[in-house]
Amino acid sequence: MSRINSNIPSMTAQVNLAQNNRDLDVRLQRLATGLRINRGADDPAGLIVSERLRSDIRGAEQGIKNSERASSVIATTEGAISEINELLNSIRSLVVEAANTGAFSKEEREANQLQIDSAIDSITRIANTANFGGLKLLNGERDYQLSGLATSAISHAKILGASFIGGSSVPVEVDVLASAQTGALYLRGDLPTPGAGGNGTVLSTTTIRVQGPEGVQEFQFLSGTAYSKIAQAINDTSQLTGVKAELLNGNAASGIRFHTENYGSDAMVSVERVGGPSTPSADWWATYKLDDSAAVASGAPFPWASYTITANSDKGRNVQALVNGNLATGDGLKIKTRTPTLSMDLLLHEDLATDPSATASTFTVTGGGSLFQLGPEVNASQQSSIGVPATSASQLGATLVNGELQFLSSLKSGAGNSLKELSDRGDFTGASKILENSIDEVTVVRGRLGAFERNVLEPNIRSLQTSVENLSASESRIRDADFAYETSKLTRAQILSSAATSTLALANQQSQQVLQLLG
């Protein structure tokens, strides 16, 4: 080397020293932060993937927090409902006690009524005051809102869940396919035995056994008893049997219709002559039921020959209806549907439930319910909605009593089902049914909330916790620094940096050898 303007070895040593120092800086930064990727230049593809994983982790962690908070809301709601459950049970015991009029005085019933009034007021107070962080839980704010519901077609609607995917409302159409029916038997009134009385009367002394959903009773009628008297006797004991009787077209000569008070497959009626002939058709006393194709117009002659079958028992039929094109489950006048987009229970009005030719009834679920964001992404598949109906006394226990929809509040003093009114009528069955429905309603709500917590929230929390664990492991493998590897690289970088510094010093000294040529 005899040139001094360009010290190539020195330049080479400087480049390598700078490179070694950069590598040393990288190792020190990774060891200081614990991260392999601190900026995009460290690993562009790895940075993109790891940031997406970090976003998924944060979303899953928030989903866990959301689910845990939802669980707290559910627990608070159920706690309030459990108190309502206890109050309803106490009201029921007071009504049952008051029904024992032969052993309890008027004053004792009045004292029971005071307790019932207090309990009903407490139920309404709990419904109005139960809250969680400012959210009202049982006053109806967590329930679904309806628009266009015609009570002349649908007596009561309870929406359990609705999904508003792609819109802010859910239209509902209810179309009856097959009518609800009571259990019914028919006795002809135009088959007189020659010389033994006339139409619409008992032709010989007869004992009949009438059985219905509530029990069984026997009646004995003398020869010549008018059918109107038979109907009256059966109606006087309908509370004991659940069976009523009426003259066909109001005319004893047309016959009698024996029927259950309620609709549905559980409504069974049996009318049997005790000690009658083995072949009913051989005697003037023969009961019939309608076959499934029968169509009896009001006021028209009864189709004895066309649509009747000899029988001494009959069951009612549940209404069959389509809800938004899906076949609903019928139970008497009630229908229920459970689909991913709509879950609800409806009590159809008798006029709609018994007339398949009626125009379909429509209404709209316009919003409401409690929407819970359970997943890491904000979309319908990662959300769940549940409705919590109002549990105030004026909205609890909807029951048809003598064709009128009545609620728990009707048990208060001065209302139609107070203990005084019940004892005056001697009939506590209406109040008992209202209480049964009230207890069923709050129990079902508790069950639904419990099922939501157990089958939706808790599995969601466990699933998201597993996701966070696995996503964190994946993100760690991509982004976190391997300290064993980085320390070995640090040692190498330190040695190389020291070697490069020494080499640079030697390269700078090498040019001074030219001075020896100058003597």
Protein backbone atom coordinates (compact mmCIF):
# COMPACT_ATOMS: atom_id res chain seq x y z
CA MET A 1 0.00 0.00 0.00
CA SER A 2 1.64 3.20 -1.16
CA ARG A 3 -1.45 5.41 -1.54
CA ILE A 4 -2.73 7.68 1.22
CA ASN A 5 -5.71 9.57 -0.29
CA SER A 6 -7.99 6.53 -0.09
CA ASN A 7 -7.56 4.22 2.90
CA ILE A 8 -9.68 1.34 1.68
CA PRO A 9 -8.99 -0.96 4.67
CA SER A 10 -10.07 1.86 6.97
CA MET A 11 -13.28 2.37 5.02
CA THR A 12 -14.01 -1.37 5.12
CA ALA A 13 -13.38 -1.43 8.86
CA GLN A 14 -15.72 1.56 9.36
CA VAL A 15 -18.56 -0.11 7.41
CA ASN A 16 -18.27 -3.30 9.42
CA LEU A 17 -17.99 -1.38 12.70
CA ALA A 18 -21.18 0.56 11.88
CA GLN A 19 -22.97 -2.66 10.96
CA ASN A 20 -21.86 -4.35 14.17
CA ASN A 21 -22.94 -1.32 16.22
CA ARG A 22 -26.38 -1.37 14.58
CA ASP A 23 -26.74 -5.07 15.38
CA LEU A 24 -25.61 -4.33 18.93
CA ASP A 25 -28.24 -1.59 19.24
CA VAL A 26 -30.94 -3.99 18.01
CA ARG A 27 -29.96 -6.64 20.56
CA LEU A 28 -29.88 -4.11 23.37
CA GLN A 29 -33.29 -2.72 22.38
CA ARG A 30 -34.86 -6.19 22.22
CA LEU A 31 -33.43 -7.16 25.57
CA ALA A 32 -34.57 -3.87 27.09
CA THR A 33 -38.16 -4.10 25.74
CA GLY A 34 -38.57 -7.87 25.72
CA LEU A 35 -39.92 -7.61 22.16
CA ARG A 36 -38.43 -9.00 18.98
CA ILE A 37 -40.47 -6.56 16.89
CA ASN A 38 -40.24 -2.96 18.09
CA ARG A 39 -40.80 -1.24 14.74
CA GLY A 40 -41.97 -2.18 11.28
CA ALA A 41 -38.43 -2.55 9.93
CA ASP A 42 -37.72 -5.38 12.40
CA ASP A 43 -40.26 -7.71 10.66
CA PRO A 44 -42.95 -6.04 8.47
CA ALA A 45 -45.03 -9.20 7.93
CA GLY A 46 -44.66 -10.25 11.55
CA LEU A 47 -45.74 -6.78 12.69
CA ILE A 48 -48.94 -6.97 10.62
CA VAL A 49 -49.87 -10.40 11.93
CA SER A 50 -49.00 -9.59 15.53
CA GLU A 51 -51.01 -6.36 15.48
CA ARG A 52 -54.04 -8.26 14.17
CA LEU A 53 -53.57 -10.81 16.94
CA ARG A 54 -53.28 -8.01 19.49
CA SER A 55 -56.55 -6.56 18.21
CA ASP A 56 -58.21 -9.97 18.54
CA ILE A 57 -56.86 -10.35 22.05
CA ARG A 58 -58.18 -6.93 23.14
CA GLY A 59 -61.58 -7.71 21.62
CA ALA A 60 -61.75 -11.09 23.33
CA GLU A 61 -60.70 -9.59 26.66
CA GLN A 62 -63.45 -6.99 26.35
CA GLY A 63 -65.91 -9.74 25.40
CA ILE A 64 -65.02 -11.49 28.67
CA LYS A 65 -65.60 -8.27 30.60
CA ASN A 66 -68.91 -7.71 28.79
CA SER A 67 -70.06 -11.25 29.56
CA GLU A 68 -69.08 -10.92 33.21
CA ARG A 69 -70.99 -7.66 33.46
CA ALA A 70 -73.98 -9.23 31.73
CA SER A 71 -73.81 -12.06 34.26
CA SER A 72 -73.93 -9.48 37.04
CA VAL A 73 -77.00 -7.87 35.44
CA ILE A 74 -78.70 -11.27 35.17
CA ALA A 75 -77.88 -12.12 38.78
CA THR A 76 -79.28 -8.80 39.98
CA THR A 77 -82.44 -9.25 37.93
CA GLU A 78 -82.98 -12.79 39.16
CA GLY A 79 -82.44 -11.70 42.74
CA ALA A 80 -85.26 -9.19 42.44
CA ILE A 81 -87.53 -11.70 40.71
CA SER A 82 -86.88 -14.28 43.44
CA GLU A 83 -88.34 -11.84 45.96
CA ILE A 84 -91.41 -11.43 43.75
CA ASN A 85 -91.64 -15.23 43.63
CA GLU A 86 -91.73 -15.38 47.41
CA LEU A 87 -94.41 -12.70 47.60
CA LEU A 88 -96.56 -14.55 45.07
CA ASN A 89 -96.25 -17.75 47.09
CA SER A 90 -97.34 -15.91 50.22
CA ILE A 91 -100.33 -14.41 48.35
CA ARG A 92 -101.33 -17.86 47.17
CA SER A 93 -101.26 -19.25 50.70
CA LEU A 94 -103.42 -16.35 51.89
CA VAL A 95 -105.99 -16.95 49.12
CA VAL A 96 -106.09 -20.67 49.86
CA GLU A 97 -106.54 -19.89 53.53
CA ALA A 98 -109.32 -17.38 52.83
CA ALA A 99 -111.12 -19.94 50.66
CA ASN A 100 -111.66 -21.95 53.85
CA THR A 101 -114.70 -19.79 54.62
CA GLY A 102 -116.21 -22.38 56.91
CA ALA A 103 -113.36 -21.99 59.38
CA PHE A 104 -112.27 -18.36 58.93
CA SER A 105 -114.27 -15.32 59.87
CA LYS A 106 -114.88 -12.20 57.82
CA GLU A 107 -112.40 -10.29 59.97
CA GLU A 108 -109.69 -12.86 59.31
CA ARG A 109 -110.30 -12.63 55.57
CA GLU A 110 -110.06 -8.85 55.81
CA ALA A 111 -106.72 -9.23 57.59
CA ASN A 112 -105.59 -11.56 54.80
CA GLN A 113 -106.69 -8.98 52.25
CA LEU A 114 -104.50 -6.35 53.94
CA GLN A 115 -101.52 -8.68 53.58
CA ILE A 116 -102.38 -9.39 49.96
CA ASP A 117 -102.64 -5.65 49.21
CA SER A 118 -99.26 -5.06 50.85
CA ALA A 119 -97.63 -7.92 48.95
CA ILE A 120 -99.05 -6.75 45.62
CA ASP A 121 -97.81 -3.20 46.31
CA SER A 122 -94.38 -4.64 47.14
CA ILE A 123 -94.30 -6.56 43.86
CA THR A 124 -95.00 -3.37 41.92
CA ARG A 125 -92.43 -1.45 43.97
CA ILE A 126 -89.74 -4.05 43.30
CA ALA A 127 -90.61 -3.98 39.58
CA ASN A 128 -90.25 -0.19 39.51
CA THR A 129 -87.07 0.10 41.58
CA ALA A 130 -84.89 -2.87 40.61
CA ASN A 131 -81.91 -1.43 38.72
CA PHE A 132 -78.29 -2.03 37.81
CA GLY A 133 -76.05 0.96 37.22
CA GLY A 134 -79.00 3.12 36.27
CA LEU A 135 -80.66 0.44 34.11
CA LYS A 136 -84.23 -0.36 35.14
CA LEU A 137 -84.58 -4.13 35.11
CA LEU A 138 -88.22 -5.08 35.75
CA ASN A 139 -90.35 -2.07 34.87
CA GLY A 140 -90.65 -3.01 31.20
CA GLU A 141 -87.67 -1.04 29.85
CA ARG A 142 -85.87 -4.35 29.17
CA ASP A 143 -88.94 -5.73 27.37
CA TYR A 144 -89.68 -5.53 23.65
CA GLN A 145 -91.92 -2.80 22.28
CA LEU A 146 -94.83 -3.71 20.02
CA SER A 147 -96.77 -1.71 17.48
CA GLY A 148 -100.07 -2.49 15.80
CA LEU A 149 -101.10 -5.32 18.13
CA ALA A 150 -104.87 -5.82 17.83
CA THR A 151 -106.26 -7.16 21.11
CA SER A 152 -109.36 -8.29 19.22
CA ALA A 153 -107.13 -10.90 17.56
CA ILE A 154 -104.26 -11.42 20.03
CA SER A 155 -105.20 -11.04 23.66
CA HIS A 156 -101.68 -11.05 25.05
CA ALA A 157 -98.20 -11.15 23.54
CA LYS A 158 -94.93 -11.92 25.27
CA ILE A 159 -91.75 -11.51 23.22
CA LEU A 160 -88.84 -13.49 24.64
CA GLY A 161 -86.22 -12.69 22.03
CA ALA A 162 -85.93 -10.86 18.71
CA SER A 163 -83.05 -10.26 16.33
CA PHE A 164 -82.99 -6.96 14.46
CA ILE A 165 -80.50 -8.08 11.80
CA GLY A 166 -80.63 -5.78 8.82
CA GLY A 167 -83.36 -3.57 10.24
CA SER A 168 -84.74 -1.75 13.24
CA SER A 169 -87.96 -3.78 13.54
CA VAL A 170 -89.34 -7.31 13.13
CA PRO A 171 -92.73 -7.75 11.41
CA VAL A 172 -94.93 -10.57 12.75
CA GLU A 173 -97.78 -12.27 10.91
CA VAL A 174 -100.04 -14.82 12.63
CA ASP A 175 -102.18 -16.96 10.33
CA VAL A 176 -104.46 -19.61 11.86
CA LEU A 177 -104.43 -22.92 9.96
CA ALA A 178 -106.67 -25.07 12.16
CA SER A 179 -109.08 -23.84 14.79
CA ALA A 180 -108.78 -24.39 18.51
CA GLN A 181 -111.56 -26.55 19.81
CA THR A 182 -113.09 -27.56 23.10
CA GLY A 183 -113.93 -31.15 23.86
CA ALA A 184 -117.59 -31.48 22.81
CA LEU A 185 -120.31 -34.12 22.73
CA TYR A 186 -123.82 -33.77 21.31
CA LEU A 187 -127.14 -35.33 22.38
CA ARG A 188 -130.01 -35.38 19.92
CA GLY A 189 -133.32 -33.95 20.98
CA ASP A 190 -135.52 -35.20 18.14
CA LEU A 191 -135.65 -38.97 18.74
CA PRO A 192 -138.80 -39.60 20.81
CA THR A 193 -139.89 -43.12 21.59
CA PRO A 194 -143.48 -43.63 20.42
CA GLY A 195 -145.85 -42.86 23.24
CA ALA A 196 -143.08 -41.83 25.69
CA GLY A 197 -142.79 -38.07 25.85
CA GLY A 198 -141.65 -35.60 23.27
CA ASN A 199 -138.62 -33.99 21.75
CA GLY A 200 -136.15 -32.23 24.04
CA THR A 201 -137.06 -34.26 27.15
CA VAL A 202 -135.74 -37.28 29.01
CA LEU A 203 -137.69 -40.30 27.81
CA SER A 204 -136.90 -42.52 30.80
CA THR A 205 -135.31 -42.13 34.21
CA THR A 206 -131.62 -41.79 33.43
CA THR A 207 -128.36 -41.49 35.37
CA ILE A 208 -125.40 -39.92 33.54
CA ARG A 209 -121.78 -39.55 34.50
CA VAL A 210 -120.14 -36.29 33.40
CA GLN A 211 -116.35 -36.09 33.51
CA GLY A 212 -114.14 -33.17 32.58
CA PRO A 213 -110.72 -31.67 33.28
CA GLU A 214 -111.70 -30.72 36.83
CA GLY A 215 -113.43 -33.92 37.94
CA VAL A 216 -116.46 -36.17 37.62
CA GLN A 217 -120.10 -35.91 38.77
CA GLU A 218 -123.19 -38.07 38.40
CA PHE A 219 -126.70 -36.76 37.71
CA GLN A 220 -130.06 -38.51 37.80
CA PHE A 221 -132.95 -37.19 35.73
CA LEU A 222 -136.53 -38.40 35.86
CA SER A 223 -138.53 -39.23 32.80
CA GLY A 224 -139.95 -36.07 31.24
CA THR A 225 -137.15 -33.76 32.49
CA ALA A 226 -136.56 -31.00 29.94
CA TYR A 227 -133.13 -30.75 28.30
CA SER A 228 -132.92 -27.18 29.56
CA LYS A 229 -132.95 -28.56 33.12
CA ILE A 230 -130.14 -30.97 32.26
CA ALA A 231 -128.06 -28.09 30.91
CA GLN A 232 -128.76 -26.02 34.02
CA ALA A 233 -127.79 -28.87 36.38
CA ILE A 234 -124.49 -29.44 34.58
CA ASN A 235 -123.68 -25.73 34.46
CA ASP A 236 -124.37 -25.43 38.20
CA THR A 237 -121.54 -27.89 38.87
CA SER A 238 -119.17 -26.80 36.09
CA GLN A 239 -116.62 -25.72 38.70
CA LEU A 240 -116.37 -29.34 39.78
CA THR A 241 -116.14 -30.86 36.31
CA GLY A 242 -114.92 -28.17 33.95
CA VAL A 243 -117.84 -29.06 31.66
CA LYS A 244 -120.69 -26.83 30.53
CA ALA A 245 -123.88 -27.56 28.58
CA GLU A 246 -126.06 -25.55 26.25
CA LEU A 247 -129.05 -26.17 23.98
CA LEU A 248 -128.23 -26.43 20.31
CA ASN A 249 -129.38 -23.21 18.63
CA GLY A 250 -131.19 -22.43 21.89
CA ASN A 251 -133.77 -25.12 21.11
CA ALA A 252 -134.23 -28.17 23.34
CA ALA A 253 -135.71 -30.11 20.44
CA SER A 254 -132.40 -29.70 18.59
CA GLY A 255 -130.37 -31.27 21.37
CA ILE A 256 -127.64 -30.48 23.91
CA ARG A 257 -123.97 -29.65 23.47
CA PHE A 258 -121.70 -30.73 26.33
CA HIS A 259 -118.32 -29.01 26.14
CA THR A 260 -115.25 -28.19 28.18
CA GLU A 261 -114.69 -24.64 29.35
CA ASN A 262 -111.14 -24.58 28.01
CA TYR A 263 -109.64 -25.24 24.61
CA GLY A 264 -106.90 -27.66 23.73
CA SER A 265 -105.87 -31.30 23.65
CA ASP A 266 -105.95 -31.45 27.46
CA ALA A 267 -109.63 -30.49 27.49
CA MET A 268 -111.48 -33.83 27.72
CA VAL A 269 -115.21 -34.35 28.17
CA SER A 270 -117.00 -37.62 28.81
CA VAL A 271 -120.78 -38.05 29.10
CA GLU A 272 -121.85 -41.61 29.76
CA ARG A 273 -125.18 -43.14 30.69
CA VAL A 274 -124.80 -45.30 33.79
CA GLY A 275 -126.40 -48.68 33.28
CA GLY A 276 -127.42 -47.89 29.72
CA PRO A 277 -127.52 -50.33 26.81
CA SER A 278 -124.25 -51.70 25.43
CA THR A 279 -125.12 -50.27 22.02
CA PRO A 280 -125.88 -46.53 22.49
CA SER A 281 -127.52 -46.13 19.11
CA ALA A 282 -130.11 -48.73 20.05
CA ASP A 283 -131.50 -46.40 22.70
CA TRP A 284 -132.79 -42.83 22.65
CA TRP A 285 -129.74 -41.73 24.73
CA ALA A 286 -126.77 -41.57 22.37
CA THR A 287 -124.00 -38.96 22.34
CA TYR A 288 -121.97 -38.00 19.30
CA LYS A 289 -118.81 -36.11 18.44
CA LEU A 290 -117.95 -34.25 15.28
CA ASP A 291 -115.37 -35.61 12.90
CA ASP A 292 -112.46 -33.40 11.81
CA SER A 293 -114.13 -32.31 8.58
CA ALA A 294 -117.27 -30.97 10.26
CA ALA A 295 -118.31 -27.39 9.62
CA VAL A 296 -121.29 -26.27 11.65
CA ALA A 297 -122.64 -22.83 10.81
CA SER A 298 -124.29 -20.88 13.60
CA GLY A 299 -128.08 -21.26 13.49
CA ALA A 300 -127.97 -23.93 10.78
CA PRO A 301 -129.52 -27.37 11.25
CA PHE A 302 -127.09 -29.62 13.06
CA PRO A 303 -125.43 -32.11 10.63
CA TRP A 304 -126.25 -35.26 12.54
CA ALA A 305 -126.09 -37.52 9.52
CA SER A 306 -123.13 -35.91 7.77
CA TYR A 307 -120.38 -35.26 10.30
CA THR A 308 -121.14 -37.07 13.57
CA ILE A 309 -119.62 -40.19 15.10
CA THR A 310 -121.16 -42.09 17.99
CA ALA A 311 -118.94 -41.52 21.06
CA ASN A 312 -119.16 -40.93 24.79
CA SER A 313 -115.91 -38.93 25.08
CA ASP A 314 -114.06 -36.27 23.12
CA LYS A 315 -110.91 -34.16 23.41
CA GLY A 316 -110.39 -30.60 22.34
CA ARG A 317 -107.78 -29.43 19.85
CA ASN A 318 -104.92 -26.98 20.05
CA VAL A 319 -104.88 -24.09 17.64
CA GLN A 320 -102.49 -24.47 14.72
CA ALA A 321 -100.99 -21.32 13.26
CA LEU A 322 -98.14 -20.01 11.16
CA VAL A 323 -95.94 -17.25 12.54
CA ASN A 324 -94.00 -15.58 9.72
CA GLY A 325 -94.41 -18.76 7.71
CA ASN A 326 -93.12 -21.05 10.48
CA LEU A 327 -95.44 -23.56 12.15
CA ALA A 328 -95.93 -22.53 15.77
CA THR A 329 -96.54 -24.87 18.70
CA GLY A 330 -100.15 -24.70 19.86
CA ASP A 331 -101.54 -25.18 23.36
CA GLY A 332 -105.24 -24.41 23.54
CA LEU A 333 -105.55 -20.76 22.53
CA LYS A 334 -101.83 -20.20 23.06
CA ILE A 335 -99.07 -20.51 20.50
CA LYS A 336 -95.33 -20.23 20.83
CA THR A 337 -92.52 -20.01 18.35
CA ARG A 338 -88.78 -20.38 18.84
CA THR A 339 -86.61 -19.35 15.88
CA PRO A 340 -83.17 -17.68 15.71
CA THR A 341 -84.82 -14.37 14.79
CA LEU A 342 -87.99 -14.48 16.92
CA SER A 343 -89.03 -16.19 20.13
CA MET A 344 -92.43 -15.40 21.61
CA ASP A 345 -95.60 -16.64 23.34
CA LEU A 346 -99.02 -15.45 22.17
CA LEU A 347 -102.50 -15.83 23.65
CA LEU A 348 -104.88 -15.66 20.71
CA HIS A 349 -108.34 -14.20 21.04
CA GLU A 350 -111.06 -16.80 20.77
CA ASP A 351 -112.45 -15.16 17.63
CA LEU A 352 -109.16 -15.59 15.75
CA ALA A 353 -108.16 -18.96 17.21
CA THR A 354 -111.44 -20.60 16.22
CA ASP A 355 -111.69 -19.18 12.68
CA PRO A 356 -109.10 -20.45 10.16
CA SER A 357 -110.72 -18.29 7.46
CA ALA A 358 -110.00 -15.09 9.42
CA THR A 359 -107.53 -12.59 8.00
CA ALA A 360 -104.02 -13.04 9.34
CA SER A 361 -103.20 -10.74 12.26
CA THR A 362 -100.06 -8.62 12.01
CA PHE A 363 -98.01 -6.49 14.36
CA THR A 364 -94.42 -5.27 14.63
CA VAL A 365 -91.67 -5.65 17.20
CA THR A 366 -90.20 -2.16 17.01
CA GLY A 367 -87.28 -2.56 19.41
CA GLY A 368 -86.38 -3.09 23.02
CA GLY A 369 -84.92 -6.04 24.85
CA SER A 370 -81.48 -6.28 26.43
CA LEU A 371 -78.73 -6.52 23.82
CA PHE A 372 -75.44 -8.01 25.01
CA GLN A 373 -72.21 -7.72 22.99
CA LEU A 374 -70.50 -10.99 23.81
CA GLY A 375 -67.87 -11.44 21.09
CA PRO A 376 -64.75 -9.54 20.01
CA GLU A 377 -66.41 -8.24 16.83
CA VAL A 378 -69.49 -6.02 16.65
CA ASN A 379 -71.88 -7.99 14.48
CA ALA A 380 -75.17 -9.83 14.91
CA SER A 381 -73.58 -13.27 15.22
CA GLN A 382 -71.64 -12.16 18.29
CA GLN A 383 -74.54 -10.45 20.02
CA SER A 384 -77.39 -11.91 22.02
CA SER A 385 -80.69 -10.34 22.99
CA ILE A 386 -83.10 -11.30 25.73
CA GLY A 387 -86.30 -9.63 26.87
CA VAL A 388 -87.26 -9.16 30.51
CA PRO A 389 -90.99 -8.40 30.79
CA ALA A 390 -92.47 -6.03 33.31
CA THR A 391 -93.37 -7.75 36.57
CA SER A 392 -95.64 -5.13 38.09
CA ALA A 393 -98.96 -6.39 39.42
CA SER A 394 -100.89 -4.73 36.59
CA GLN A 395 -98.92 -6.70 33.97
CA LEU A 396 -98.43 -10.03 35.69
CA GLY A 397 -100.60 -13.14 35.50
CA ALA A 398 -102.66 -12.42 32.36
CA THR A 399 -105.56 -14.88 32.56
CA LEU A 400 -108.87 -15.20 30.79
CA VAL A 401 -111.54 -15.26 33.51
CA ASN A 402 -115.07 -15.53 32.15
CA GLY A 403 -113.81 -14.25 28.82
CA GLU A 404 -112.08 -11.19 30.33
CA LEU A 405 -108.32 -10.76 30.56
CA GLN A 406 -107.41 -10.12 34.20
CA PHE A 407 -104.13 -9.55 36.04
CA LEU A 408 -102.65 -9.91 39.52
CA SER A 409 -103.77 -6.40 40.46
CA SER A 410 -107.38 -7.63 40.32
CA LEU A 411 -106.75 -9.36 43.69
CA LYS A 412 -106.43 -6.04 45.52
CA SER A 413 -109.18 -4.56 47.70
CA GLY A 414 -112.09 -3.24 45.71
CA ALA A 415 -111.08 -5.10 42.55
CA GLY A 416 -112.98 -7.92 40.90
CA ASN A 417 -110.97 -10.71 42.54
CA SER A 418 -110.56 -9.35 46.07
CA LEU A 419 -111.26 -11.79 48.89
CA LYS A 420 -114.61 -10.11 49.58
CA GLU A 421 -115.70 -10.50 45.95
CA LEU A 422 -114.46 -14.06 45.84
CA SER A 423 -116.19 -15.08 49.06
CA ASP A 424 -119.42 -13.37 47.98
CA ARG A 425 -119.35 -15.36 44.73
CA GLY A 426 -118.16 -18.50 46.49
CA ASP A 427 -115.70 -19.03 43.65
CA PHE A 428 -111.95 -18.68 44.17
CA THR A 429 -110.90 -20.47 40.96
CA GLY A 430 -110.33 -17.29 38.96
CA ALA A 431 -107.94 -15.87 41.56
CA SER A 432 -106.21 -19.22 41.82
CA LYS A 433 -105.61 -19.33 38.05
CA ILE A 434 -104.28 -15.76 38.05
CA LEU A 435 -101.84 -16.66 40.81
CA GLU A 436 -100.79 -19.85 39.05
CA ASN A 437 -100.08 -17.92 35.86
CA SER A 438 -98.24 -15.19 37.79
CA ILE A 439 -96.02 -17.75 39.51
CA ASP A 440 -95.45 -19.52 36.19
CA GLU A 441 -94.53 -16.26 34.48
CA VAL A 442 -91.89 -15.17 37.00
CA THR A 443 -90.58 -18.71 37.32
CA VAL A 444 -90.21 -19.00 33.56
CA VAL A 445 -88.43 -15.63 33.45
CA ARG A 446 -86.03 -16.81 36.15
CA GLY A 447 -85.50 -20.03 34.24
CA ARG A 448 -84.83 -18.17 30.99
CA LEU A 449 -82.37 -15.84 32.70
CA GLY A 450 -80.66 -18.79 34.35
CA ALA A 451 -80.47 -20.66 31.06
CA PHE A 452 -79.05 -17.55 29.37
CA GLU A 453 -76.38 -17.24 32.04
CA ARG A 454 -75.54 -20.93 32.11
CA ASN A 455 -75.77 -21.78 28.41
CA VAL A 456 -74.72 -18.49 26.81
CA LEU A 457 -72.68 -16.29 29.13
CA GLU A 458 -70.63 -18.88 31.01
CA PRO A 459 -69.63 -20.90 27.90
CA ASN A 460 -68.86 -17.62 26.13
CA ILE A 461 -66.53 -16.56 28.94
CA ARG A 462 -64.73 -19.92 28.92
CA SER A 463 -64.44 -19.88 25.14
CA LEU A 464 -63.06 -16.35 25.07
CA GLN A 465 -60.61 -17.13 27.87
CA THR A 466 -59.29 -20.04 25.82
CA SER A 467 -59.08 -17.76 22.77
CA VAL A 468 -57.14 -15.13 24.72
CA GLU A 469 -54.73 -17.79 25.94
CA ASN A 470 -54.11 -19.20 22.47
CA LEU A 471 -53.98 -15.83 20.74
CA SER A 472 -51.55 -14.51 23.33
CA ALA A 473 -49.32 -17.54 22.82
CA SER A 474 -49.38 -16.99 19.07
CA GLU A 475 -48.69 -13.29 19.41
CA SER A 476 -45.85 -14.01 21.84
CA ARG A 477 -44.18 -16.44 19.45
CA ILE A 478 -44.21 -13.79 16.73
CA ARG A 479 -43.40 -10.63 18.68
CA ASP A 480 -41.67 -11.45 21.94
CA ALA A 481 -37.89 -11.66 22.15
CA ASP A 482 -36.13 -14.95 22.88
CA PHE A 483 -33.72 -13.86 25.63
CA ALA A 484 -31.42 -16.87 25.22
CA TYR A 485 -31.10 -16.19 21.53
CA GLU A 486 -30.77 -12.40 21.93
CA THR A 487 -28.10 -12.62 24.65
CA SER A 488 -25.99 -14.89 22.46
CA LYS A 489 -26.43 -12.44 19.59
CA LEU A 490 -25.54 -9.59 21.96
CA THR A 491 -22.31 -11.30 22.96
CA ARG A 492 -21.44 -11.86 19.29
CA ALA A 493 -22.25 -8.22 18.44
CA GLN A 494 -20.10 -6.98 21.34
CA ILE A 495 -17.12 -9.10 20.25
CA LEU A 496 -17.47 -8.10 16.62
CA SER A 497 -17.79 -4.43 17.58
CA SER A 498 -14.61 -4.60 19.64
CA ALA A 499 -12.81 -6.45 16.86
CA ALA A 500 -13.99 -3.92 14.29
CA THR A 501 -12.75 -1.05 16.46
CA SER A 502 -9.29 -2.63 16.76
CA THR A 503 -9.21 -3.34 13.04
CA LEU A 504 -10.09 0.28 12.28
CA ALA A 505 -7.23 1.47 14.47
CA LEU A 506 -4.78 -0.78 12.63
CA ALA A 507 -6.08 0.34 9.23
CA ASN A 508 -5.57 4.01 10.19
CA GLN A 509 -1.98 3.31 11.31
CA GLN A 510 -1.12 1.45 8.10
CA SER A 511 -1.02 4.65 5.99
CA GLN A 512 1.75 6.12 8.18
CA GLN A 513 4.18 3.57 6.74
CA VAL A 514 4.44 5.79 3.62
CA LEU A 515 6.58 8.22 5.64
CA GLN A 516 9.45 5.72 5.58
CA LEU A 517 9.72 6.24 1.82
CA LEU A 518 10.46 9.97 2.37
CA GLY A 519 13.60 9.15 4.30
